[in-house]
Amino acid sequence: MKRTGQKLLRFDRRLGARFVAGADEAGRGSLAGPLVVAGVLLDYGSLRDHRVRPLGFLNDSKQCSPERREDLFHAVVGCAERVAVRVIPPGEIDRNGLHRSNLAGLRAMLEALTPPAEACLVDGFRLDAAAPEHTAVVDGDEKSAAIAAASIVAKVTRDRLMRRLDALYPAYGFARHVGYITPGHSAVVRTLGPSAVHRLSFQALCYEGEAPPDATSVRGSSGRAPSALPTTLPASA
């Protein structure tokens, strides 16, 4: 396995800031389950020698095996100055729209890390003027250590949540496809209809001809699952 971490760390160091924050998301294209956004703050004033070694294999989460992602998750939490996570449930996505929910989540991550963040990086998306000053980096999870670290945290957190949902809804196979569209996933939805954690606003072929589940029975009287607030973890978590 190529040690990609040093290249990503050099990208951040060239910014000339001590505190660099990165934000990324997991689950944007999923048919079921939450959208998870994460932010990671790295302190380049103290991130050196033995403290930085665990990040040697840091990379975009999509380029890592599940086992490598778990190892990197623990490395990031151990090395980061601060980690923030927000879980956006399907009902909130249905109500506000995927893109708006994603941008709001990324903005919340930067706000949770600023101050002390001096440089804020977001993977691909330019946020609105209300967000802390930031730079949108195209393919940022392949270039920046802070963004790659956030991608690892978001992906591992979401995969763990999908395994829990698999125990609640075993017929849908969430542990295998983590909510993304596959032939098997689509076939089950056609047979059983969408579950309480499917994104009903998505125009998926497997929804055609299916009446959505009764909102009051599966998502409470408001018709949506409760919204999760940002959670900030200390470096020692």
C-alpha atoms as a PDB file:
ATOM      1  CA  MET A   1       0.000   0.000   0.000  1.00  0.00           C
ATOM      2  CA  LYS A   2       1.430   3.365  -1.049  1.00  0.00           C
ATOM      3  CA  ARG A   3       2.035   5.840   1.735  1.00  0.00           C
ATOM      4  CA  THR A   4       0.043   8.788   0.395  1.00  0.00           C
ATOM      5  CA  GLY A   5      -0.260  10.711   3.643  1.00  0.00           C
ATOM      6  CA  GLN A   6       2.897  12.802   3.310  1.00  0.00           C
ATOM      7  CA  LYS A   7       1.753  14.256  -0.016  1.00  0.00           C
ATOM      8  CA  LEU A   8      -1.585  15.281   1.498  1.00  0.00           C
ATOM      9  CA  LEU A   9       0.081  16.746   4.572  1.00  0.00           C
ATOM     10  CA  ARG A  10       2.442  18.815   2.397  1.00  0.00           C
ATOM     11  CA  PHE A  11      -0.557  20.307   0.572  1.00  0.00           C
ATOM     12  CA  ASP A  12      -1.962  21.589   3.870  1.00  0.00           C
ATOM     13  CA  ARG A  13       1.392  22.799   5.194  1.00  0.00           C
ATOM     14  CA  ARG A  14       1.878  24.942   2.092  1.00  0.00           C
ATOM     15  CA  LEU A  15      -1.119  27.005   3.171  1.00  0.00           C
ATOM     16  CA  GLY A  16       1.088  28.546   5.862  1.00  0.00           C
ATOM     17  CA  ALA A  17      -1.538  28.180   8.602  1.00  0.00           C
ATOM     18  CA  ARG A  18      -1.131  26.372  11.885  1.00  0.00           C
ATOM     19  CA  PHE A  19      -4.774  25.241  12.218  1.00  0.00           C
ATOM     20  CA  VAL A  20      -6.257  23.740   9.046  1.00  0.00           C
ATOM     21  CA  ALA A  21      -9.848  22.480   8.917  1.00  0.00           C
ATOM     22  CA  GLY A  22     -11.234  20.126   6.275  1.00  0.00           C
ATOM     23  CA  ALA A  23     -14.850  19.117   5.646  1.00  0.00           C
ATOM     24  CA  ASP A  24     -16.324  16.299   3.578  1.00  0.00           C
ATOM     25  CA  GLU A  25     -19.404  14.086   3.409  1.00  0.00           C
ATOM     26  CA  ALA A  26     -20.421  10.466   2.878  1.00  0.00           C
ATOM     27  CA  GLY A  27     -23.676   9.073   1.502  1.00  0.00           C
ATOM     28  CA  ARG A  28     -24.686  11.829  -0.905  1.00  0.00           C
ATOM     29  CA  GLY A  29     -25.700   9.361  -3.626  1.00  0.00           C
ATOM     30  CA  SER A  30     -27.310   6.794  -1.363  1.00  0.00           C
ATOM     31  CA  LEU A  31     -30.982   5.828  -1.709  1.00  0.00           C
ATOM     32  CA  ALA A  32     -31.337   5.011   1.981  1.00  0.00           C
ATOM     33  CA  GLY A  33     -29.822   6.074   5.241  1.00  0.00           C
ATOM     34  CA  PRO A  34     -28.403   9.372   6.451  1.00  0.00           C
ATOM     35  CA  LEU A  35     -26.004  11.830   4.928  1.00  0.00           C
ATOM     36  CA  VAL A  36     -22.994  12.158   7.230  1.00  0.00           C
ATOM     37  CA  VAL A  37     -20.781  15.242   7.160  1.00  0.00           C
ATOM     38  CA  ALA A  38     -17.543  15.528   9.096  1.00  0.00           C
ATOM     39  CA  GLY A  39     -14.950  18.161   9.859  1.00  0.00           C
ATOM     40  CA  VAL A  40     -11.396  17.613  11.056  1.00  0.00           C
ATOM     41  CA  LEU A  41      -9.066  20.254  12.495  1.00  0.00           C
ATOM     42  CA  LEU A  42      -5.335  19.561  12.249  1.00  0.00           C
ATOM     43  CA  ASP A  43      -2.771  21.502  14.276  1.00  0.00           C
ATOM     44  CA  TYR A  44       0.349  21.705  12.136  1.00  0.00           C
ATOM     45  CA  GLY A  45       2.205  23.372  14.973  1.00  0.00           C
ATOM     46  CA  SER A  46       2.305  20.089  16.866  1.00  0.00           C
ATOM     47  CA  LEU A  47       1.645  17.499  14.133  1.00  0.00           C
ATOM     48  CA  ARG A  48       5.140  16.150  13.573  1.00  0.00           C
ATOM     49  CA  ASP A  49       7.404  13.155  14.263  1.00  0.00           C
ATOM     50  CA  HIS A  50       5.617  10.375  16.183  1.00  0.00           C
ATOM     51  CA  ARG A  51       2.298  12.285  16.211  1.00  0.00           C
ATOM     52  CA  VAL A  52       2.048  12.360  12.422  1.00  0.00           C
ATOM     53  CA  ARG A  53       3.203   8.801  11.666  1.00  0.00           C
ATOM     54  CA  PRO A  54      -0.261   7.207  12.037  1.00  0.00           C
ATOM     55  CA  LEU A  55      -1.427   9.348   9.091  1.00  0.00           C
ATOM     56  CA  GLY A  56       1.133   7.852   6.710  1.00  0.00           C
ATOM     57  CA  PHE A  57      -1.529   5.936   4.756  1.00  0.00           C
ATOM     58  CA  LEU A  58      -4.104   8.736   4.815  1.00  0.00           C
ATOM     59  CA  ASN A  59      -6.057   8.922   1.571  1.00  0.00           C
ATOM     60  CA  ASP A  60      -9.485   9.531   0.105  1.00  0.00           C
ATOM     61  CA  SER A  61     -11.825   7.106   1.883  1.00  0.00           C
ATOM     62  CA  LYS A  62     -12.993   5.679  -1.456  1.00  0.00           C
ATOM     63  CA  GLN A  63      -9.422   4.535  -2.159  1.00  0.00           C
ATOM     64  CA  CYS A  64      -9.135   2.588   1.100  1.00  0.00           C
ATOM     65  CA  SER A  65     -10.329  -0.860   2.108  1.00  0.00           C
ATOM     66  CA  PRO A  66     -12.826  -1.064   5.001  1.00  0.00           C
ATOM     67  CA  GLU A  67     -10.053  -2.339   7.268  1.00  0.00           C
ATOM     68  CA  ARG A  68      -7.725   0.511   6.287  1.00  0.00           C
ATOM     69  CA  ARG A  69     -10.514   3.042   6.846  1.00  0.00           C
ATOM     70  CA  GLU A  70     -11.094   1.746  10.375  1.00  0.00           C
ATOM     71  CA  ASP A  71      -7.371   2.029  11.142  1.00  0.00           C
ATOM     72  CA  LEU A  72      -7.261   5.550   9.701  1.00  0.00           C
ATOM     73  CA  PHE A  73     -10.373   6.559  11.640  1.00  0.00           C
ATOM     74  CA  HIS A  74      -8.577   5.809  14.902  1.00  0.00           C
ATOM     75  CA  ALA A  75      -5.430   7.520  13.613  1.00  0.00           C
ATOM     76  CA  VAL A  76      -7.352  10.681  12.696  1.00  0.00           C
ATOM     77  CA  VAL A  77      -9.180  10.865  16.018  1.00  0.00           C
ATOM     78  CA  GLY A  78      -5.857  10.379  17.809  1.00  0.00           C
ATOM     79  CA  CYS A  79      -3.959  12.976  15.767  1.00  0.00           C
ATOM     80  CA  ALA A  80      -6.611  15.664  15.209  1.00  0.00           C
ATOM     81  CA  GLU A  81      -7.019  18.723  17.369  1.00  0.00           C
ATOM     82  CA  ARG A  82     -10.798  18.453  16.961  1.00  0.00           C
ATOM     83  CA  VAL A  83     -13.327  16.299  15.086  1.00  0.00           C
ATOM     84  CA  ALA A  84     -16.939  17.259  14.366  1.00  0.00           C
ATOM     85  CA  VAL A  85     -19.691  15.077  12.890  1.00  0.00           C
ATOM     86  CA  ARG A  86     -23.263  15.717  11.852  1.00  0.00           C
ATOM     87  CA  VAL A  87     -25.756  13.027  10.850  1.00  0.00           C
ATOM     88  CA  ILE A  88     -28.528  14.296   8.570  1.00  0.00           C
ATOM     89  CA  PRO A  89     -31.473  11.854   8.545  1.00  0.00           C
ATOM     90  CA  PRO A  90     -33.475  10.924   5.446  1.00  0.00           C
ATOM     91  CA  GLY A  91     -36.500  12.957   6.506  1.00  0.00           C
ATOM     92  CA  GLU A  92     -34.445  16.136   6.647  1.00  0.00           C
ATOM     93  CA  ILE A  93     -33.013  15.371   3.210  1.00  0.00           C
ATOM     94  CA  ASP A  94     -36.524  14.848   1.846  1.00  0.00           C
ATOM     95  CA  ARG A  95     -37.740  18.099   3.370  1.00  0.00           C
ATOM     96  CA  ASN A  96     -34.828  20.390   2.471  1.00  0.00           C
ATOM     97  CA  GLY A  97     -33.310  18.675  -0.554  1.00  0.00           C
ATOM     98  CA  LEU A  98     -30.024  16.778  -0.795  1.00  0.00           C
ATOM     99  CA  HIS A  99     -27.834  19.614  -2.061  1.00  0.00           C
ATOM    100  CA  ARG A 100     -29.092  22.151   0.448  1.00  0.00           C
ATOM    101  CA  SER A 101     -28.758  19.634   3.284  1.00  0.00           C
ATOM    102  CA  ASN A 102     -25.205  18.834   2.235  1.00  0.00           C
ATOM    103  CA  LEU A 103     -24.108  22.469   2.031  1.00  0.00           C
ATOM    104  CA  ALA A 104     -25.729  23.263   5.386  1.00  0.00           C
ATOM    105  CA  GLY A 105     -23.934  20.317   6.964  1.00  0.00           C
ATOM    106  CA  LEU A 106     -20.540  21.307   5.549  1.00  0.00           C
ATOM    107  CA  ARG A 107     -21.044  24.879   6.747  1.00  0.00           C
ATOM    108  CA  ALA A 108     -21.917  23.590  10.233  1.00  0.00           C
ATOM    109  CA  MET A 109     -18.652  21.641  10.295  1.00  0.00           C
ATOM    110  CA  LEU A 110     -16.557  24.702   9.491  1.00  0.00           C
ATOM    111  CA  GLU A 111     -18.462  26.732  12.077  1.00  0.00           C
ATOM    112  CA  ALA A 112     -17.781  24.039  14.688  1.00  0.00           C
ATOM    113  CA  LEU A 113     -14.033  24.279  13.983  1.00  0.00           C
ATOM    114  CA  THR A 114     -13.718  28.066  13.597  1.00  0.00           C
ATOM    115  CA  PRO A 115     -12.073  29.396  15.654  1.00  0.00           C
ATOM    116  CA  PRO A 116      -9.339  28.226  15.956  1.00  0.00           C
ATOM    117  CA  ALA A 117      -9.207  27.168  12.278  1.00  0.00           C
ATOM    118  CA  GLU A 118      -7.140  29.631  10.239  1.00  0.00           C
ATOM    119  CA  ALA A 119      -7.589  27.892   6.881  1.00  0.00           C
ATOM    120  CA  CYS A 120     -10.796  26.027   5.972  1.00  0.00           C
ATOM    121  CA  LEU A 121     -11.009  23.580   3.071  1.00  0.00           C
ATOM    122  CA  VAL A 122     -14.107  21.921   1.604  1.00  0.00           C
ATOM    123  CA  ASP A 123     -14.144  19.041  -0.835  1.00  0.00           C
ATOM    124  CA  GLY A 124     -15.478  20.485  -4.077  1.00  0.00           C
ATOM    125  CA  PHE A 125     -18.300  22.722  -2.875  1.00  0.00           C
ATOM    126  CA  ARG A 126     -18.283  26.495  -2.516  1.00  0.00           C
ATOM    127  CA  LEU A 127     -20.493  27.453   0.422  1.00  0.00           C
ATOM    128  CA  ASP A 128     -22.549  30.608   0.886  1.00  0.00           C
ATOM    129  CA  ALA A 129     -21.319  33.892   2.310  1.00  0.00           C
ATOM    130  CA  ALA A 130     -22.549  32.994   5.804  1.00  0.00           C
ATOM    131  CA  ALA A 131     -19.984  30.200   6.080  1.00  0.00           C
ATOM    132  CA  PRO A 132     -16.516  30.827   7.519  1.00  0.00           C
ATOM    133  CA  GLU A 133     -13.978  31.905   4.908  1.00  0.00           C
ATOM    134  CA  HIS A 134     -12.944  28.787   3.013  1.00  0.00           C
ATOM    135  CA  THR A 135     -11.533  27.301  -0.165  1.00  0.00           C
ATOM    136  CA  ALA A 136     -13.334  24.718  -2.292  1.00  0.00           C
ATOM    137  CA  VAL A 137     -10.784  22.141  -3.450  1.00  0.00           C
ATOM    138  CA  VAL A 138     -11.743  19.985  -6.420  1.00  0.00           C
ATOM    139  CA  ASP A 139     -10.980  16.345  -5.575  1.00  0.00           C
ATOM    140  CA  GLY A 140      -9.882  17.673  -2.211  1.00  0.00           C
ATOM    141  CA  ASP A 141      -9.996  14.274  -0.526  1.00  0.00           C
ATOM    142  CA  GLU A 142      -7.131  13.240  -2.835  1.00  0.00           C
ATOM    143  CA  LYS A 143      -5.078  16.408  -2.206  1.00  0.00           C
ATOM    144  CA  SER A 144      -5.566  17.693   1.360  1.00  0.00           C
ATOM    145  CA  ALA A 145      -4.885  15.786   4.564  1.00  0.00           C
ATOM    146  CA  ALA A 146      -7.590  17.670   6.450  1.00  0.00           C
ATOM    147  CA  ILE A 147     -10.239  16.882   3.821  1.00  0.00           C
ATOM    148  CA  ALA A 148      -9.107  13.259   3.478  1.00  0.00           C
ATOM    149  CA  ALA A 149      -9.288  12.892   7.251  1.00  0.00           C
ATOM    150  CA  ALA A 150     -12.846  14.261   7.200  1.00  0.00           C
ATOM    151  CA  SER A 151     -13.776  11.834   4.422  1.00  0.00           C
ATOM    152  CA  ILE A 152     -12.506   8.921   6.517  1.00  0.00           C
ATOM    153  CA  VAL A 153     -14.476  10.036   9.581  1.00  0.00           C
ATOM    154  CA  ALA A 154     -17.665  10.581   7.568  1.00  0.00           C
ATOM    155  CA  LYS A 155     -17.433   7.259   5.723  1.00  0.00           C
ATOM    156  CA  VAL A 156     -16.610   5.122   8.767  1.00  0.00           C
ATOM    157  CA  THR A 157     -19.305   6.810  10.849  1.00  0.00           C
ATOM    158  CA  ARG A 158     -21.910   6.283   8.132  1.00  0.00           C
ATOM    159  CA  ASP A 159     -20.948   2.646   7.504  1.00  0.00           C
ATOM    160  CA  ARG A 160     -21.293   1.913  11.218  1.00  0.00           C
ATOM    161  CA  LEU A 161     -24.740   3.522  11.241  1.00  0.00           C
ATOM    162  CA  MET A 162     -25.801   1.491   8.209  1.00  0.00           C
ATOM    163  CA  ARG A 163     -24.768  -1.724   9.940  1.00  0.00           C
ATOM    164  CA  ARG A 164     -27.016  -0.740  12.847  1.00  0.00           C
ATOM    165  CA  LEU A 165     -29.863  -0.043  10.432  1.00  0.00           C
ATOM    166  CA  ASP A 166     -29.255  -3.465   8.891  1.00  0.00           C
ATOM    167  CA  ALA A 167     -30.116  -5.002  12.263  1.00  0.00           C
ATOM    168  CA  LEU A 168     -33.366  -3.011  12.355  1.00  0.00           C
ATOM    169  CA  TYR A 169     -34.298  -3.664   8.713  1.00  0.00           C
ATOM    170  CA  PRO A 170     -32.544  -6.964   7.865  1.00  0.00           C
ATOM    171  CA  ALA A 171     -34.535  -7.616   4.680  1.00  0.00           C
ATOM    172  CA  TYR A 172     -32.915  -4.657   2.872  1.00  0.00           C
ATOM    173  CA  GLY A 173     -29.283  -5.748   3.159  1.00  0.00           C
ATOM    174  CA  PHE A 174     -27.947  -2.383   4.339  1.00  0.00           C
ATOM    175  CA  ALA A 175     -24.748  -3.951   5.704  1.00  0.00           C
ATOM    176  CA  ARG A 176     -23.819  -5.035   2.161  1.00  0.00           C
ATOM    177  CA  HIS A 177     -24.613  -1.965   0.048  1.00  0.00           C
ATOM    178  CA  VAL A 178     -24.849   0.710   2.818  1.00  0.00           C
ATOM    179  CA  GLY A 179     -27.960   2.140   1.183  1.00  0.00           C
ATOM    180  CA  TYR A 180     -26.680   2.597  -2.359  1.00  0.00           C
ATOM    181  CA  ILE A 181     -28.670   1.323  -5.338  1.00  0.00           C
ATOM    182  CA  THR A 182     -27.765  -2.214  -6.387  1.00  0.00           C
ATOM    183  CA  PRO A 183     -29.850  -4.780  -8.274  1.00  0.00           C
ATOM    184  CA  GLY A 184     -30.515  -6.644  -5.033  1.00  0.00           C
ATOM    185  CA  HIS A 185     -31.443  -3.493  -3.130  1.00  0.00           C
ATOM    186  CA  SER A 186     -33.803  -2.379  -5.884  1.00  0.00           C
ATOM    187  CA  ALA A 187     -35.455  -5.794  -6.010  1.00  0.00           C
ATOM    188  CA  VAL A 188     -36.203  -5.746  -2.293  1.00  0.00           C
ATOM    189  CA  VAL A 189     -37.664  -2.232  -2.485  1.00  0.00           C
ATOM    190  CA  ARG A 190     -39.912  -3.315  -5.367  1.00  0.00           C
ATOM    191  CA  THR A 191     -41.124  -6.248  -3.288  1.00  0.00           C
ATOM    192  CA  LEU A 192     -41.452  -4.687   0.169  1.00  0.00           C
ATOM    193  CA  GLY A 193     -41.631  -0.969  -0.629  1.00  0.00           C
ATOM    194  CA  PRO A 194     -39.263   1.608   0.876  1.00  0.00           C
ATOM    195  CA  SER A 195     -38.364   1.415   4.544  1.00  0.00           C
ATOM    196  CA  ALA A 196     -38.593   4.218   7.078  1.00  0.00           C
ATOM    197  CA  VAL A 197     -34.982   5.173   6.302  1.00  0.00           C
ATOM    198  CA  HIS A 198     -35.272   5.424   2.514  1.00  0.00           C
ATOM    199  CA  ARG A 199     -35.113   8.864   0.912  1.00  0.00           C
ATOM    200  CA  LEU A 200     -38.599   9.183  -0.503  1.00  0.00           C
ATOM    201  CA  SER A 201     -37.828  12.366  -2.443  1.00  0.00           C
ATOM    202  CA  PHE A 202     -35.395  10.511  -4.721  1.00  0.00           C
ATOM    203  CA  GLN A 203     -36.747   9.576  -8.140  1.00  0.00           C
ATOM    204  CA  ALA A 204     -35.672   5.945  -8.185  1.00  0.00           C
ATOM    205  CA  LEU A 205     -37.083   3.401 -10.621  1.00  0.00           C
ATOM    206  CA  CYS A 206     -37.624   0.934  -7.786  1.00  0.00           C
ATOM    207  CA  TYR A 207     -40.105   3.384  -6.209  1.00  0.00           C
ATOM    208  CA  GLU A 208     -42.355   3.417  -9.259  1.00  0.00           C
ATOM    209  CA  GLY A 209     -45.772   2.014  -8.506  1.00  0.00           C
ATOM    210  CA  GLU A 210     -45.068   1.990  -4.762  1.00  0.00           C
ATOM    211  CA  ALA A 211     -47.058   4.138  -2.374  1.00  0.00           C
ATOM    212  CA  PRO A 212     -44.708   5.725   0.185  1.00  0.00           C
ATOM    213  CA  PRO A 213     -45.021   4.362   3.725  1.00  0.00           C
ATOM    214  CA  ASP A 214     -47.390   6.183   6.060  1.00  0.00           C
ATOM    215  CA  ALA A 215     -45.389   9.138   7.348  1.00  0.00           C
ATOM    216  CA  THR A 216     -47.134   9.246  10.705  1.00  0.00           C
ATOM    217  CA  SER A 217     -46.318   5.606  11.412  1.00  0.00           C
ATOM    218  CA  VAL A 218     -42.675   5.485  10.308  1.00  0.00           C
ATOM    219  CA  ARG A 219     -41.365   8.987  10.971  1.00  0.00           C
ATOM    220  CA  GLY A 220     -43.521  10.406  13.677  1.00  0.00           C
ATOM    221  CA  SER A 221     -46.350  12.917  13.435  1.00  0.00           C
ATOM    222  CA  SER A 222     -44.090  15.514  11.779  1.00  0.00           C
ATOM    223  CA  GLY A 223     -43.474  13.203   8.805  1.00  0.00           C
ATOM    224  CA  ARG A 224     -39.720  13.170   9.268  1.00  0.00           C
ATOM    225  CA  ALA A 225     -37.029  11.699  11.425  1.00  0.00           C
ATOM    226  CA  PRO A 226     -35.518  13.946  14.102  1.00  0.00           C
ATOM    227  CA  SER A 227     -32.566  16.061  13.029  1.00  0.00           C
ATOM    228  CA  ALA A 228     -29.162  15.419  14.544  1.00  0.00           C
ATOM    229  CA  LEU A 229     -27.062  18.309  15.804  1.00  0.00           C
ATOM    230  CA  PRO A 230     -23.312  18.592  15.223  1.00  0.00           C
ATOM    231  CA  THR A 231     -21.189  16.582  17.621  1.00  0.00           C
ATOM    232  CA  THR A 232     -17.636  17.706  18.358  1.00  0.00           C
ATOM    233  CA  LEU A 233     -15.157  15.131  19.612  1.00  0.00           C
ATOM    234  CA  PRO A 234     -11.982  16.008  21.513  1.00  0.00           C
ATOM    235  CA  ALA A 235      -8.709  14.725  20.134  1.00  0.00           C
ATOM    236  CA  SER A 236      -8.557  12.093  22.856  1.00  0.00           C
ATOM    237  CA  ALA A 237     -11.917  10.535  21.896  1.00  0.00           C
END
